[in-house]
Amino acid sequence: MKKILLSIFAIFLSFGVFAQQTSTPKDTITTPQEARSQKVFLKSNGIMYIVYEGVKTELTKDVILSNETVVTTIGQLKRSDGSIIILEDGEYVNQLGEIGQWNEK
């Protein structure tokens, strides 16, 4: 009887473990069209902008992304590992720190 109760208890515990598993959502930007629907930081004509839902606003202060990358007002990306990347005109970085090429359309 003890073995049956322990088996049933183990089965119930395993259901709880499986209930905690979720599929990972798609969080990365793969195309410029997808970038336009998310908040990105764009360098254009030497000026840094925040672009969100098609509205472009000049970046007035440094921003820290979720991965601890700092986006500066002059277009530098300071990574958490200490590396520095300088954005060229027409490049953007999303909130995950991924860099892409912006195509005006």
N, C-alpha and C. Protein backbone atom coordinates (compact mmCIF):
# COMPACT_ATOMS: atom_id res chain seq x y z
N MET A 1 0.82 -1.20 0.00
CA MET A 1 0.00 0.00 0.00
C MET A 1 0.87 1.27 0.00
N LYS A 2 1.98 1.19 0.78
CA LYS A 2 2.88 2.34 0.84
C LYS A 2 3.47 2.65 -0.54
N LYS A 3 3.83 1.59 -1.26
CA LYS A 3 4.43 1.77 -2.57
C LYS A 3 3.44 2.42 -3.54
N ILE A 4 2.19 2.04 -3.46
CA ILE A 4 1.18 2.62 -4.34
C ILE A 4 0.98 4.09 -4.00
N LEU A 5 0.88 4.43 -2.73
CA LEU A 5 0.71 5.83 -2.33
C LEU A 5 1.92 6.68 -2.75
N LEU A 6 3.13 6.13 -2.57
CA LEU A 6 4.33 6.86 -2.98
C LEU A 6 4.37 7.05 -4.49
N SER A 7 3.93 6.04 -5.23
CA SER A 7 3.90 6.15 -6.69
C SER A 7 2.92 7.23 -7.14
N ILE A 8 1.73 7.24 -6.52
CA ILE A 8 0.73 8.26 -6.86
C ILE A 8 1.24 9.65 -6.51
N PHE A 9 1.88 9.77 -5.34
CA PHE A 9 2.44 11.05 -4.92
C PHE A 9 3.52 11.52 -5.91
N ALA A 10 4.37 10.62 -6.36
CA ALA A 10 5.43 10.96 -7.33
C ALA A 10 4.83 11.41 -8.66
N ILE A 11 3.75 10.77 -9.08
CA ILE A 11 3.09 11.16 -10.33
C ILE A 11 2.52 12.57 -10.21
N PHE A 12 1.88 12.88 -9.09
CA PHE A 12 1.34 14.23 -8.89
C PHE A 12 2.44 15.28 -8.87
N LEU A 13 3.56 14.96 -8.27
CA LEU A 13 4.69 15.90 -8.27
C LEU A 13 5.22 16.15 -9.68
N SER A 14 5.27 15.10 -10.49
CA SER A 14 5.77 15.27 -11.85
C SER A 14 4.84 16.14 -12.68
N PHE A 15 3.54 16.07 -12.44
CA PHE A 15 2.61 16.95 -13.14
C PHE A 15 2.89 18.41 -12.81
N GLY A 16 3.23 18.68 -11.57
CA GLY A 16 3.57 20.05 -11.17
C GLY A 16 4.81 20.55 -11.87
N VAL A 17 5.78 19.69 -12.07
CA VAL A 17 7.01 20.07 -12.77
C VAL A 17 6.72 20.38 -14.23
N PHE A 18 5.93 19.55 -14.89
CA PHE A 18 5.60 19.78 -16.28
C PHE A 18 4.76 21.03 -16.47
N ALA A 19 3.95 21.37 -15.50
CA ALA A 19 3.12 22.57 -15.59
C ALA A 19 3.97 23.83 -15.57
N GLN A 20 5.18 23.76 -15.04
CA GLN A 20 6.05 24.94 -14.95
C GLN A 20 6.81 25.21 -16.24
N GLN A 21 6.87 24.24 -17.13
CA GLN A 21 7.60 24.41 -18.37
C GLN A 21 6.76 25.22 -19.35
N THR A 22 7.39 26.24 -19.94
CA THR A 22 6.72 27.03 -20.96
C THR A 22 7.62 27.15 -22.17
N SER A 23 7.04 27.39 -23.30
CA SER A 23 7.85 27.61 -24.49
C SER A 23 8.37 29.04 -24.45
N THR A 24 9.55 29.24 -25.00
CA THR A 24 10.14 30.57 -24.99
C THR A 24 9.54 31.39 -26.12
N PRO A 25 9.09 32.62 -25.82
CA PRO A 25 8.52 33.46 -26.87
C PRO A 25 9.60 34.02 -27.79
N LYS A 26 9.20 34.44 -28.96
CA LYS A 26 10.13 35.05 -29.90
C LYS A 26 10.32 36.50 -29.49
N ASP A 27 11.50 36.82 -28.95
CA ASP A 27 11.77 38.17 -28.48
C ASP A 27 12.76 38.92 -29.35
N THR A 28 13.30 38.28 -30.36
CA THR A 28 14.35 38.93 -31.14
C THR A 28 13.77 39.60 -32.37
N ILE A 29 14.41 40.64 -32.77
CA ILE A 29 14.01 41.35 -33.98
C ILE A 29 14.78 40.75 -35.14
N THR A 30 14.09 40.30 -36.16
CA THR A 30 14.77 39.68 -37.29
C THR A 30 14.71 40.54 -38.54
N THR A 31 13.74 41.43 -38.63
CA THR A 31 13.62 42.25 -39.83
C THR A 31 13.38 43.71 -39.43
N PRO A 32 13.74 44.64 -40.30
CA PRO A 32 13.45 46.05 -40.01
C PRO A 32 11.97 46.33 -39.81
N GLN A 33 11.10 45.54 -40.47
CA GLN A 33 9.66 45.74 -40.30
C GLN A 33 9.25 45.42 -38.86
N GLU A 34 9.82 44.35 -38.29
CA GLU A 34 9.53 44.01 -36.90
C GLU A 34 10.11 45.07 -35.97
N ALA A 35 11.26 45.63 -36.32
CA ALA A 35 11.89 46.65 -35.49
C ALA A 35 11.01 47.88 -35.38
N ARG A 36 10.28 48.20 -36.42
CA ARG A 36 9.42 49.39 -36.41
C ARG A 36 8.29 49.29 -35.40
N SER A 37 7.91 48.08 -35.00
CA SER A 37 6.82 47.93 -34.04
C SER A 37 7.32 47.86 -32.60
N GLN A 38 8.63 47.89 -32.40
CA GLN A 38 9.21 47.83 -31.07
C GLN A 38 10.03 49.09 -30.81
N LYS A 39 10.41 49.30 -29.57
CA LYS A 39 11.24 50.45 -29.22
C LYS A 39 12.69 50.13 -29.60
N VAL A 40 13.26 50.97 -30.45
CA VAL A 40 14.66 50.81 -30.84
C VAL A 40 15.38 52.15 -30.72
N PHE A 41 16.70 52.09 -30.70
CA PHE A 41 17.52 53.28 -30.62
C PHE A 41 18.28 53.39 -31.93
N LEU A 42 18.02 54.45 -32.68
CA LEU A 42 18.50 54.62 -34.05
C LEU A 42 19.48 55.79 -34.12
N LYS A 43 20.57 55.58 -34.87
CA LYS A 43 21.49 56.68 -35.14
C LYS A 43 21.23 57.15 -36.57
N SER A 44 20.88 58.42 -36.70
CA SER A 44 20.58 58.99 -38.01
C SER A 44 21.16 60.40 -38.08
N ASN A 45 21.97 60.65 -39.09
CA ASN A 45 22.63 61.95 -39.27
C ASN A 45 23.41 62.37 -38.03
N GLY A 46 24.05 61.40 -37.38
CA GLY A 46 24.87 61.68 -36.21
C GLY A 46 24.10 61.90 -34.92
N ILE A 47 22.80 61.75 -34.95
CA ILE A 47 21.96 61.99 -33.77
C ILE A 47 21.30 60.68 -33.38
N MET A 48 21.22 60.41 -32.08
CA MET A 48 20.56 59.22 -31.57
C MET A 48 19.08 59.51 -31.31
N TYR A 49 18.24 58.58 -31.74
CA TYR A 49 16.80 58.72 -31.58
C TYR A 49 16.23 57.46 -30.91
N ILE A 50 15.12 57.63 -30.22
CA ILE A 50 14.29 56.51 -29.79
C ILE A 50 13.16 56.44 -30.81
N VAL A 51 12.95 55.28 -31.40
CA VAL A 51 11.86 55.10 -32.36
C VAL A 51 10.90 54.09 -31.77
N TYR A 52 9.66 54.52 -31.58
CA TYR A 52 8.63 53.64 -31.03
C TYR A 52 7.32 53.90 -31.75
N GLU A 53 6.78 52.84 -32.36
CA GLU A 53 5.53 52.91 -33.11
C GLU A 53 5.56 54.01 -34.16
N GLY A 54 6.70 54.12 -34.85
CA GLY A 54 6.84 55.07 -35.94
C GLY A 54 7.17 56.49 -35.54
N VAL A 55 7.21 56.79 -34.25
CA VAL A 55 7.52 58.14 -33.78
C VAL A 55 8.99 58.19 -33.38
N LYS A 56 9.72 59.14 -33.96
CA LYS A 56 11.15 59.29 -33.71
C LYS A 56 11.37 60.49 -32.80
N THR A 57 11.99 60.23 -31.61
CA THR A 57 12.26 61.27 -30.62
C THR A 57 13.74 61.27 -30.30
N GLU A 58 14.35 62.44 -30.21
CA GLU A 58 15.77 62.51 -29.93
C GLU A 58 16.08 61.97 -28.54
N LEU A 59 17.16 61.19 -28.44
CA LEU A 59 17.60 60.62 -27.18
C LEU A 59 18.33 61.70 -26.39
N THR A 60 17.85 62.02 -25.20
CA THR A 60 18.43 63.12 -24.41
C THR A 60 19.27 62.65 -23.24
N LYS A 61 19.18 61.35 -22.90
CA LYS A 61 20.01 60.82 -21.81
C LYS A 61 20.33 59.37 -22.10
N ASP A 62 21.40 58.87 -21.51
CA ASP A 62 21.82 57.49 -21.70
C ASP A 62 20.73 56.54 -21.18
N VAL A 63 20.63 55.38 -21.84
CA VAL A 63 19.63 54.39 -21.49
C VAL A 63 20.34 53.06 -21.20
N ILE A 64 19.90 52.37 -20.15
CA ILE A 64 20.45 51.06 -19.81
C ILE A 64 19.43 50.00 -20.23
N LEU A 65 19.88 49.07 -21.08
CA LEU A 65 19.02 47.99 -21.56
C LEU A 65 18.96 46.85 -20.56
N SER A 66 18.07 45.91 -20.79
CA SER A 66 17.88 44.79 -19.87
C SER A 66 19.12 43.91 -19.72
N ASN A 67 19.99 43.89 -20.74
CA ASN A 67 21.21 43.09 -20.66
C ASN A 67 22.39 43.92 -20.14
N GLU A 68 22.10 45.07 -19.53
CA GLU A 68 23.06 45.98 -18.93
C GLU A 68 23.92 46.73 -19.95
N THR A 69 23.55 46.70 -21.22
CA THR A 69 24.21 47.51 -22.23
C THR A 69 23.72 48.94 -22.08
N VAL A 70 24.66 49.89 -22.13
CA VAL A 70 24.31 51.31 -22.04
C VAL A 70 24.32 51.90 -23.44
N VAL A 71 23.22 52.53 -23.85
CA VAL A 71 23.12 53.25 -25.11
C VAL A 71 23.33 54.72 -24.79
N THR A 72 24.39 55.32 -25.33
CA THR A 72 24.68 56.72 -25.03
C THR A 72 24.06 57.65 -26.06
N THR A 73 24.00 58.92 -25.71
CA THR A 73 23.41 59.92 -26.60
C THR A 73 24.28 60.19 -27.81
N ILE A 74 25.53 59.73 -27.81
CA ILE A 74 26.41 59.94 -28.97
C ILE A 74 26.53 58.68 -29.84
N GLY A 75 25.76 57.63 -29.49
CA GLY A 75 25.72 56.45 -30.34
C GLY A 75 26.68 55.34 -29.97
N GLN A 76 27.17 55.36 -28.76
CA GLN A 76 28.03 54.27 -28.30
C GLN A 76 27.19 53.24 -27.54
N LEU A 77 27.58 51.98 -27.70
CA LEU A 77 27.00 50.91 -26.90
C LEU A 77 28.09 50.40 -25.99
N LYS A 78 27.88 50.53 -24.70
CA LYS A 78 28.84 50.05 -23.71
C LYS A 78 28.29 48.76 -23.14
N ARG A 79 28.90 47.63 -23.56
CA ARG A 79 28.44 46.31 -23.13
C ARG A 79 28.87 46.03 -21.70
N SER A 80 28.21 45.08 -21.06
CA SER A 80 28.51 44.74 -19.68
C SER A 80 29.90 44.12 -19.54
N ASP A 81 30.45 43.58 -20.64
CA ASP A 81 31.80 43.00 -20.59
C ASP A 81 32.89 44.06 -20.77
N GLY A 82 32.48 45.33 -20.92
CA GLY A 82 33.44 46.42 -21.06
C GLY A 82 33.70 46.84 -22.49
N SER A 83 33.25 46.07 -23.46
CA SER A 83 33.48 46.43 -24.86
C SER A 83 32.58 47.60 -25.26
N ILE A 84 33.07 48.38 -26.21
CA ILE A 84 32.33 49.54 -26.71
C ILE A 84 32.14 49.40 -28.21
N ILE A 85 30.91 49.58 -28.66
CA ILE A 85 30.58 49.54 -30.08
C ILE A 85 30.04 50.92 -30.45
N ILE A 86 30.50 51.45 -31.55
CA ILE A 86 30.02 52.76 -32.02
C ILE A 86 29.07 52.51 -33.19
N LEU A 87 27.83 52.95 -33.04
CA LEU A 87 26.85 52.80 -34.11
C LEU A 87 27.18 53.74 -35.26
N GLU A 88 27.00 53.26 -36.47
CA GLU A 88 27.14 54.07 -37.68
C GLU A 88 25.76 54.64 -38.02
N ASP A 89 25.73 55.70 -38.83
CA ASP A 89 24.44 56.24 -39.28
C ASP A 89 23.64 55.14 -39.97
N GLY A 90 22.37 55.04 -39.61
CA GLY A 90 21.49 54.04 -40.19
C GLY A 90 21.43 52.74 -39.42
N GLU A 91 22.20 52.60 -38.37
CA GLU A 91 22.14 51.40 -37.54
C GLU A 91 21.25 51.65 -36.33
N TYR A 92 20.63 50.57 -35.86
CA TYR A 92 19.80 50.67 -34.66
C TYR A 92 20.17 49.54 -33.71
N VAL A 93 19.79 49.70 -32.46
CA VAL A 93 19.93 48.63 -31.47
C VAL A 93 18.57 48.47 -30.80
N ASN A 94 18.15 47.20 -30.64
CA ASN A 94 16.87 46.96 -29.98
C ASN A 94 17.08 46.84 -28.48
N GLN A 95 16.02 46.55 -27.75
CA GLN A 95 16.10 46.50 -26.29
C GLN A 95 16.85 45.29 -25.77
N LEU A 96 17.16 44.34 -26.65
CA LEU A 96 17.96 43.18 -26.26
C LEU A 96 19.44 43.39 -26.57
N GLY A 97 19.77 44.54 -27.17
CA GLY A 97 21.16 44.84 -27.50
C GLY A 97 21.59 44.36 -28.87
N GLU A 98 20.63 43.92 -29.68
CA GLU A 98 20.94 43.44 -31.03
C GLU A 98 21.00 44.62 -32.00
N ILE A 99 22.00 44.61 -32.86
CA ILE A 99 22.21 45.71 -33.81
C ILE A 99 21.68 45.29 -35.17
N GLY A 100 21.05 46.24 -35.87
CA GLY A 100 20.55 45.99 -37.21
C GLY A 100 20.69 47.23 -38.06
N GLN A 101 20.41 47.08 -39.35
CA GLN A 101 20.47 48.18 -40.31
C GLN A 101 19.06 48.70 -40.54
N TRP A 102 18.86 49.99 -40.36
CA TRP A 102 17.54 50.61 -40.52
C TRP A 102 17.35 50.99 -41.98
N ASN A 103 16.24 50.60 -42.55
CA ASN A 103 15.91 50.95 -43.93
C ASN A 103 14.70 51.88 -43.91
N GLU A 104 14.90 53.11 -44.31
CA GLU A 104 13.79 54.08 -44.35
C GLU A 104 12.85 53.69 -45.47
N LYS A 105 11.56 53.55 -45.16
CA LYS A 105 10.55 53.27 -46.19
C LYS A 105 9.32 54.05 -45.89
